[in-house]
Amino acid sequence: MHWDTKKVEQPSTQRFLRPSWLEALRSRMARHRALEAVYRVVVLVIGLAVVVAGVAMLVFPGPGWAAIILGLGLLATEYRWAEVLVEPLLRLIRRLAARAKDPAARAQNIVFALVLVVAAVVWYLQLYGWTLAPLPFIGG
């Protein structure tokens, strides 16, 4: 019985959200285990700090959701679990970007925005009349 001793190349199942320059840097760092481990820990600490700051900004003033998404995006460059969390958001962004490029969809979006503006103006006029007094930046 003859056993084939050749290694079978398995395609990498890990696919991280990395730009090409970072991918080149990571491939050079992969030769040094200690440097790679330190890099991954630094990315983990910074990414988690940004996510925690974002969670805090949900309660306190600040762009909480933007910080959470930024932190997860940073973590997704190194960790598959973070990439899994970011993937649905990326699909949504791609779908919205494709819709924004479609002329018919863009026309629908413009009409929708105009209807919202008109509805807000009508609501304001019914509630307050022709005065601007309820607005905080109008001195009275």
N, C-alpha and C. Protein backbone atom coordinates (compact mmCIF):
# COMPACT_ATOMS: atom_id res chain seq x y z
N MET A 1 0.85 -1.17 0.00
CA MET A 1 0.00 0.00 0.00
C MET A 1 0.90 1.24 0.00
N HIS A 2 0.64 2.15 -0.88
CA HIS A 2 1.47 3.35 -1.03
C HIS A 2 0.68 4.58 -0.58
N TRP A 3 1.27 5.31 0.35
CA TRP A 3 0.65 6.53 0.84
C TRP A 3 1.29 7.71 0.17
N ASP A 4 0.47 8.59 -0.32
CA ASP A 4 0.99 9.80 -0.94
C ASP A 4 1.40 10.77 0.16
N THR A 5 2.67 11.17 0.15
CA THR A 5 3.17 12.02 1.22
C THR A 5 3.12 13.50 0.86
N LYS A 6 2.65 13.81 -0.34
CA LYS A 6 2.56 15.22 -0.72
C LYS A 6 1.49 15.91 0.12
N LYS A 7 1.81 17.12 0.52
CA LYS A 7 0.84 17.91 1.27
C LYS A 7 -0.20 18.46 0.31
N VAL A 8 -1.42 18.36 0.70
CA VAL A 8 -2.50 18.91 -0.10
C VAL A 8 -2.70 20.36 0.33
N GLU A 9 -2.62 21.26 -0.62
CA GLU A 9 -2.82 22.69 -0.32
C GLU A 9 -4.29 22.95 -0.05
N GLN A 10 -4.56 23.46 1.10
CA GLN A 10 -5.92 23.84 1.46
C GLN A 10 -6.08 25.33 1.22
N PRO A 11 -7.14 25.73 0.55
CA PRO A 11 -7.34 27.17 0.40
C PRO A 11 -7.61 27.79 1.76
N SER A 12 -7.09 28.98 1.95
CA SER A 12 -7.25 29.66 3.22
C SER A 12 -8.71 30.04 3.42
N THR A 13 -9.25 29.65 4.55
CA THR A 13 -10.64 30.00 4.84
C THR A 13 -10.71 31.35 5.52
N GLN A 14 -9.57 31.86 5.97
CA GLN A 14 -9.58 33.16 6.62
C GLN A 14 -9.45 34.25 5.57
N ARG A 15 -10.41 35.12 5.55
CA ARG A 15 -10.41 36.23 4.61
C ARG A 15 -10.71 37.47 5.43
N PHE A 16 -9.68 38.26 5.64
CA PHE A 16 -9.84 39.43 6.47
C PHE A 16 -10.05 40.67 5.62
N LEU A 17 -10.66 41.68 6.22
CA LEU A 17 -10.91 42.94 5.54
C LEU A 17 -9.65 43.81 5.63
N ARG A 18 -8.71 43.54 4.76
CA ARG A 18 -7.45 44.28 4.79
C ARG A 18 -7.20 44.94 3.44
N PRO A 19 -6.74 46.19 3.47
CA PRO A 19 -6.29 46.80 2.22
C PRO A 19 -5.01 46.11 1.75
N SER A 20 -4.63 46.29 0.49
CA SER A 20 -3.49 45.59 -0.07
C SER A 20 -2.18 45.95 0.64
N TRP A 21 -2.01 47.21 1.04
CA TRP A 21 -0.77 47.60 1.71
C TRP A 21 -0.64 46.91 3.06
N LEU A 22 -1.78 46.72 3.76
CA LEU A 22 -1.75 46.04 5.04
C LEU A 22 -1.52 44.55 4.84
N GLU A 23 -2.05 44.00 3.79
CA GLU A 23 -1.84 42.58 3.49
C GLU A 23 -0.36 42.31 3.22
N ALA A 24 0.32 43.22 2.50
CA ALA A 24 1.75 43.07 2.24
C ALA A 24 2.54 43.17 3.55
N LEU A 25 2.17 44.11 4.40
CA LEU A 25 2.85 44.26 5.69
C LEU A 25 2.64 43.03 6.56
N ARG A 26 1.42 42.49 6.56
CA ARG A 26 1.12 41.30 7.36
C ARG A 26 1.89 40.08 6.86
N SER A 27 2.06 39.96 5.55
CA SER A 27 2.81 38.82 5.03
C SER A 27 4.28 38.91 5.44
N ARG A 28 4.83 40.12 5.51
CA ARG A 28 6.21 40.27 5.98
C ARG A 28 6.31 39.99 7.48
N MET A 29 5.30 40.42 8.24
CA MET A 29 5.30 40.19 9.68
C MET A 29 5.10 38.72 10.03
N ALA A 30 4.47 37.96 9.15
CA ALA A 30 4.19 36.55 9.43
C ALA A 30 5.47 35.74 9.60
N ARG A 31 6.58 36.24 9.11
CA ARG A 31 7.87 35.54 9.26
C ARG A 31 8.40 35.62 10.69
N HIS A 32 7.92 36.57 11.47
CA HIS A 32 8.39 36.77 12.84
C HIS A 32 7.21 36.56 13.79
N ARG A 33 7.19 35.42 14.44
CA ARG A 33 6.05 35.06 15.29
C ARG A 33 5.82 36.07 16.42
N ALA A 34 6.88 36.51 17.05
CA ALA A 34 6.72 37.44 18.17
C ALA A 34 6.15 38.77 17.68
N LEU A 35 6.65 39.27 16.57
CA LEU A 35 6.15 40.54 16.02
C LEU A 35 4.69 40.41 15.61
N GLU A 36 4.34 39.28 15.03
CA GLU A 36 2.95 39.05 14.63
C GLU A 36 2.03 38.99 15.84
N ALA A 37 2.46 38.32 16.90
CA ALA A 37 1.65 38.23 18.12
C ALA A 37 1.46 39.60 18.75
N VAL A 38 2.53 40.39 18.82
CA VAL A 38 2.42 41.73 19.38
C VAL A 38 1.47 42.58 18.55
N TYR A 39 1.58 42.49 17.23
CA TYR A 39 0.72 43.26 16.34
C TYR A 39 -0.75 42.90 16.57
N ARG A 40 -1.04 41.60 16.67
CA ARG A 40 -2.43 41.17 16.87
C ARG A 40 -2.97 41.66 18.21
N VAL A 41 -2.14 41.65 19.24
CA VAL A 41 -2.56 42.12 20.56
C VAL A 41 -2.82 43.63 20.51
N VAL A 42 -1.95 44.38 19.83
CA VAL A 42 -2.13 45.83 19.72
C VAL A 42 -3.44 46.14 18.97
N VAL A 43 -3.69 45.42 17.88
CA VAL A 43 -4.95 45.63 17.14
C VAL A 43 -6.14 45.29 18.02
N LEU A 44 -6.04 44.21 18.80
CA LEU A 44 -7.13 43.82 19.70
C LEU A 44 -7.39 44.89 20.76
N VAL A 45 -6.32 45.39 21.38
CA VAL A 45 -6.49 46.38 22.44
C VAL A 45 -7.07 47.68 21.89
N ILE A 46 -6.52 48.17 20.78
CA ILE A 46 -7.02 49.43 20.20
C ILE A 46 -8.45 49.26 19.70
N GLY A 47 -8.72 48.16 19.00
CA GLY A 47 -10.07 47.93 18.48
C GLY A 47 -11.10 47.83 19.58
N LEU A 48 -10.78 47.08 20.65
CA LEU A 48 -11.72 46.96 21.76
C LEU A 48 -11.89 48.29 22.48
N ALA A 49 -10.81 49.08 22.58
CA ALA A 49 -10.92 50.39 23.22
C ALA A 49 -11.86 51.30 22.44
N VAL A 50 -11.78 51.25 21.12
CA VAL A 50 -12.67 52.08 20.29
C VAL A 50 -14.11 51.60 20.42
N VAL A 51 -14.32 50.28 20.45
CA VAL A 51 -15.68 49.74 20.61
C VAL A 51 -16.24 50.13 21.98
N VAL A 52 -15.45 50.00 23.03
CA VAL A 52 -15.91 50.36 24.38
C VAL A 52 -16.21 51.85 24.45
N ALA A 53 -15.36 52.67 23.84
CA ALA A 53 -15.63 54.12 23.80
C ALA A 53 -16.93 54.38 23.05
N GLY A 54 -17.18 53.65 21.98
CA GLY A 54 -18.43 53.81 21.23
C GLY A 54 -19.64 53.43 22.06
N VAL A 55 -19.53 52.36 22.83
CA VAL A 55 -20.64 51.96 23.71
C VAL A 55 -20.87 53.05 24.75
N ALA A 56 -19.80 53.62 25.29
CA ALA A 56 -19.95 54.71 26.26
C ALA A 56 -20.60 55.92 25.61
N MET A 57 -20.28 56.17 24.33
CA MET A 57 -20.86 57.32 23.63
C MET A 57 -22.34 57.11 23.29
N LEU A 58 -22.85 55.90 23.44
CA LEU A 58 -24.29 55.71 23.28
C LEU A 58 -25.03 56.35 24.44
N VAL A 59 -24.38 56.43 25.59
CA VAL A 59 -24.98 57.04 26.78
C VAL A 59 -24.57 58.51 26.89
N PHE A 60 -23.29 58.78 26.65
CA PHE A 60 -22.75 60.13 26.73
C PHE A 60 -22.68 60.73 25.33
N PRO A 61 -22.46 62.05 25.23
CA PRO A 61 -22.39 62.67 23.92
C PRO A 61 -21.24 62.13 23.08
N GLY A 62 -21.52 61.94 21.81
CA GLY A 62 -20.49 61.49 20.89
C GLY A 62 -21.07 60.55 19.84
N PRO A 63 -20.29 60.28 18.82
CA PRO A 63 -20.76 59.41 17.72
C PRO A 63 -20.61 57.93 18.08
N GLY A 64 -21.47 57.43 18.93
CA GLY A 64 -21.36 56.08 19.45
C GLY A 64 -21.36 55.00 18.39
N TRP A 65 -22.37 54.99 17.53
CA TRP A 65 -22.46 53.94 16.52
C TRP A 65 -21.29 54.00 15.55
N ALA A 66 -20.87 55.20 15.19
CA ALA A 66 -19.73 55.34 14.28
C ALA A 66 -18.47 54.76 14.92
N ALA A 67 -18.26 55.01 16.20
CA ALA A 67 -17.08 54.47 16.89
C ALA A 67 -17.16 52.94 17.00
N ILE A 68 -18.33 52.42 17.26
CA ILE A 68 -18.48 50.96 17.35
C ILE A 68 -18.16 50.32 16.01
N ILE A 69 -18.70 50.88 14.94
CA ILE A 69 -18.44 50.34 13.60
C ILE A 69 -16.97 50.48 13.24
N LEU A 70 -16.36 51.61 13.57
CA LEU A 70 -14.93 51.80 13.30
C LEU A 70 -14.09 50.79 14.07
N GLY A 71 -14.41 50.58 15.34
CA GLY A 71 -13.67 49.60 16.14
C GLY A 71 -13.81 48.19 15.60
N LEU A 72 -15.03 47.81 15.20
CA LEU A 72 -15.23 46.48 14.62
C LEU A 72 -14.50 46.36 13.29
N GLY A 73 -14.48 47.45 12.50
CA GLY A 73 -13.73 47.42 11.24
C GLY A 73 -12.25 47.22 11.48
N LEU A 74 -11.73 47.87 12.49
CA LEU A 74 -10.32 47.69 12.85
C LEU A 74 -10.06 46.25 13.29
N LEU A 75 -10.92 45.73 14.13
CA LEU A 75 -10.77 44.35 14.59
C LEU A 75 -10.92 43.35 13.44
N ALA A 76 -11.75 43.68 12.46
CA ALA A 76 -11.99 42.78 11.33
C ALA A 76 -10.76 42.63 10.44
N THR A 77 -9.77 43.51 10.58
CA THR A 77 -8.54 43.34 9.79
C THR A 77 -7.71 42.18 10.31
N GLU A 78 -7.97 41.72 11.54
CA GLU A 78 -7.17 40.64 12.13
C GLU A 78 -7.98 39.46 12.63
N TYR A 79 -9.24 39.67 12.97
CA TYR A 79 -10.00 38.62 13.63
C TYR A 79 -11.25 38.29 12.83
N ARG A 80 -11.43 37.00 12.56
CA ARG A 80 -12.56 36.53 11.76
C ARG A 80 -13.89 36.82 12.46
N TRP A 81 -13.96 36.71 13.78
CA TRP A 81 -15.21 36.93 14.50
C TRP A 81 -15.71 38.36 14.29
N ALA A 82 -14.77 39.32 14.22
CA ALA A 82 -15.17 40.70 13.99
C ALA A 82 -15.61 40.90 12.54
N GLU A 83 -14.94 40.20 11.64
CA GLU A 83 -15.33 40.31 10.23
C GLU A 83 -16.74 39.77 10.02
N VAL A 84 -17.08 38.70 10.72
CA VAL A 84 -18.43 38.14 10.63
C VAL A 84 -19.46 39.16 11.11
N LEU A 85 -19.12 39.94 12.14
CA LEU A 85 -20.03 40.97 12.64
C LEU A 85 -20.17 42.13 11.66
N VAL A 86 -19.11 42.43 10.90
CA VAL A 86 -19.11 43.58 10.01
C VAL A 86 -19.72 43.25 8.64
N GLU A 87 -19.68 41.96 8.24
CA GLU A 87 -20.13 41.58 6.90
C GLU A 87 -21.56 42.00 6.57
N PRO A 88 -22.56 41.85 7.45
CA PRO A 88 -23.91 42.31 7.10
C PRO A 88 -23.97 43.82 6.83
N LEU A 89 -23.21 44.58 7.59
CA LEU A 89 -23.15 46.02 7.37
C LEU A 89 -22.53 46.34 6.01
N LEU A 90 -21.49 45.61 5.65
CA LEU A 90 -20.86 45.83 4.34
C LEU A 90 -21.80 45.48 3.20
N ARG A 91 -22.57 44.39 3.38
CA ARG A 91 -23.56 44.04 2.34
C ARG A 91 -24.60 45.13 2.19
N LEU A 92 -25.07 45.69 3.31
CA LEU A 92 -26.04 46.78 3.28
C LEU A 92 -25.45 48.00 2.58
N ILE A 93 -24.22 48.35 2.90
CA ILE A 93 -23.58 49.51 2.28
C ILE A 93 -23.43 49.30 0.78
N ARG A 94 -23.02 48.10 0.38
CA ARG A 94 -22.88 47.82 -1.07
C ARG A 94 -24.23 47.91 -1.77
N ARG A 95 -25.28 47.39 -1.12
CA ARG A 95 -26.61 47.44 -1.73
C ARG A 95 -27.10 48.89 -1.85
N LEU A 96 -26.86 49.70 -0.82
CA LEU A 96 -27.26 51.10 -0.87
C LEU A 96 -26.44 51.88 -1.90
N ALA A 97 -25.15 51.55 -2.02
CA ALA A 97 -24.32 52.22 -3.02
C ALA A 97 -24.80 51.87 -4.43
N ALA A 98 -25.15 50.61 -4.66
CA ALA A 98 -25.66 50.22 -5.97
C ALA A 98 -26.99 50.91 -6.25
N ARG A 99 -27.82 51.04 -5.24
CA ARG A 99 -29.10 51.73 -5.41
C ARG A 99 -28.89 53.21 -5.70
N ALA A 100 -27.88 53.81 -5.07
CA ALA A 100 -27.62 55.23 -5.29
C ALA A 100 -27.13 55.50 -6.71
N LYS A 101 -26.51 54.52 -7.33
CA LYS A 101 -26.01 54.70 -8.69
C LYS A 101 -27.10 54.49 -9.74
N ASP A 102 -28.20 53.86 -9.35
CA ASP A 102 -29.30 53.61 -10.27
C ASP A 102 -30.12 54.88 -10.43
N PRO A 103 -30.24 55.41 -11.66
CA PRO A 103 -30.98 56.68 -11.86
C PRO A 103 -32.43 56.62 -11.40
N ALA A 104 -33.11 55.51 -11.62
CA ALA A 104 -34.52 55.40 -11.21
C ALA A 104 -34.62 55.42 -9.68
N ALA A 105 -33.74 54.70 -9.02
CA ALA A 105 -33.75 54.68 -7.56
C ALA A 105 -33.37 56.05 -7.00
N ARG A 106 -32.44 56.73 -7.65
CA ARG A 106 -32.05 58.06 -7.20
C ARG A 106 -33.24 59.01 -7.30
N ALA A 107 -34.01 58.92 -8.37
CA ALA A 107 -35.19 59.77 -8.53
C ALA A 107 -36.21 59.47 -7.43
N GLN A 108 -36.38 58.19 -7.11
CA GLN A 108 -37.30 57.81 -6.03
C GLN A 108 -36.82 58.38 -4.69
N ASN A 109 -35.51 58.34 -4.45
CA ASN A 109 -34.97 58.87 -3.20
C ASN A 109 -35.18 60.38 -3.10
N ILE A 110 -35.01 61.09 -4.22
CA ILE A 110 -35.21 62.54 -4.23
C ILE A 110 -36.68 62.87 -3.95
N VAL A 111 -37.58 62.15 -4.59
CA VAL A 111 -39.01 62.38 -4.37
C VAL A 111 -39.36 62.08 -2.91
N PHE A 112 -38.82 61.00 -2.37
CA PHE A 112 -39.08 60.65 -0.97
C PHE A 112 -38.58 61.75 -0.04
N ALA A 113 -37.38 62.28 -0.30
CA ALA A 113 -36.83 63.35 0.54
C ALA A 113 -37.69 64.60 0.44
N LEU A 114 -38.16 64.94 -0.75
CA LEU A 114 -39.02 66.12 -0.92
C LEU A 114 -40.34 65.94 -0.18
N VAL A 115 -40.90 64.74 -0.23
CA VAL A 115 -42.15 64.48 0.48
C VAL A 115 -41.94 64.63 1.99
N LEU A 116 -40.80 64.15 2.50
CA LEU A 116 -40.51 64.31 3.93
C LEU A 116 -40.38 65.78 4.31
N VAL A 117 -39.69 66.56 3.47
CA VAL A 117 -39.51 67.99 3.77
C VAL A 117 -40.86 68.69 3.76
N VAL A 118 -41.69 68.42 2.77
CA VAL A 118 -43.01 69.04 2.69
C VAL A 118 -43.86 68.63 3.90
N ALA A 119 -43.80 67.36 4.27
CA ALA A 119 -44.57 66.90 5.43
C ALA A 119 -44.09 67.60 6.70
N ALA A 120 -42.78 67.79 6.85
CA ALA A 120 -42.26 68.47 8.03
C ALA A 120 -42.69 69.93 8.06
N VAL A 121 -42.70 70.60 6.91
CA VAL A 121 -43.12 72.00 6.84
C VAL A 121 -44.60 72.11 7.16
N VAL A 122 -45.42 71.23 6.61
CA VAL A 122 -46.86 71.25 6.89
C VAL A 122 -47.11 71.00 8.37
N TRP A 123 -46.42 70.03 8.95
CA TRP A 123 -46.58 69.75 10.37
C TRP A 123 -46.21 70.97 11.20
N TYR A 124 -45.09 71.62 10.88
CA TYR A 124 -44.65 72.80 11.61
C TYR A 124 -45.68 73.93 11.51
N LEU A 125 -46.17 74.18 10.30
CA LEU A 125 -47.13 75.26 10.11
C LEU A 125 -48.44 74.98 10.83
N GLN A 126 -48.89 73.73 10.86
CA GLN A 126 -50.12 73.40 11.57
C GLN A 126 -49.93 73.55 13.08
N LEU A 127 -48.75 73.23 13.57
CA LEU A 127 -48.49 73.27 15.00
C LEU A 127 -48.23 74.69 15.50
N TYR A 128 -47.43 75.48 14.74
CA TYR A 128 -46.99 76.79 15.22
C TYR A 128 -47.47 77.96 14.37
N GLY A 129 -47.97 77.72 13.21
CA GLY A 129 -48.35 78.82 12.32
C GLY A 129 -47.14 79.37 11.59
N TRP A 130 -47.19 80.65 11.23
CA TRP A 130 -46.12 81.24 10.42
C TRP A 130 -45.00 81.84 11.27
N THR A 131 -44.85 81.44 12.48
CA THR A 131 -43.81 81.99 13.36
C THR A 131 -42.60 81.06 13.41
N LEU A 132 -41.45 81.65 13.70
CA LEU A 132 -40.24 80.86 13.91
C LEU A 132 -39.85 80.84 15.38
N ALA A 133 -40.74 81.27 16.26
CA ALA A 133 -40.44 81.39 17.68
C ALA A 133 -40.04 80.07 18.35
N PRO A 134 -40.58 78.92 17.99
CA PRO A 134 -40.18 77.71 18.69
C PRO A 134 -38.74 77.27 18.42
N LEU A 135 -38.12 77.81 17.38
CA LEU A 135 -36.76 77.40 17.07
C LEU A 135 -35.78 77.98 18.08
N PRO A 136 -34.85 77.18 18.59
CA PRO A 136 -34.00 77.64 19.68
C PRO A 136 -33.01 78.75 19.28
N PHE A 137 -32.67 78.85 18.02
CA PHE A 137 -31.69 79.86 17.62
C PHE A 137 -32.31 81.20 17.26
N ILE A 138 -33.65 81.30 17.35
CA ILE A 138 -34.36 82.55 17.10
C ILE A 138 -34.55 83.23 18.45
N GLY A 139 -33.91 84.37 18.63
CA GLY A 139 -34.05 85.11 19.90
C GLY A 139 -35.40 85.80 20.00
N GLY A 140 -35.91 85.90 21.16
CA GLY A 140 -37.21 86.53 21.30
C GLY A 140 -37.41 87.24 22.58
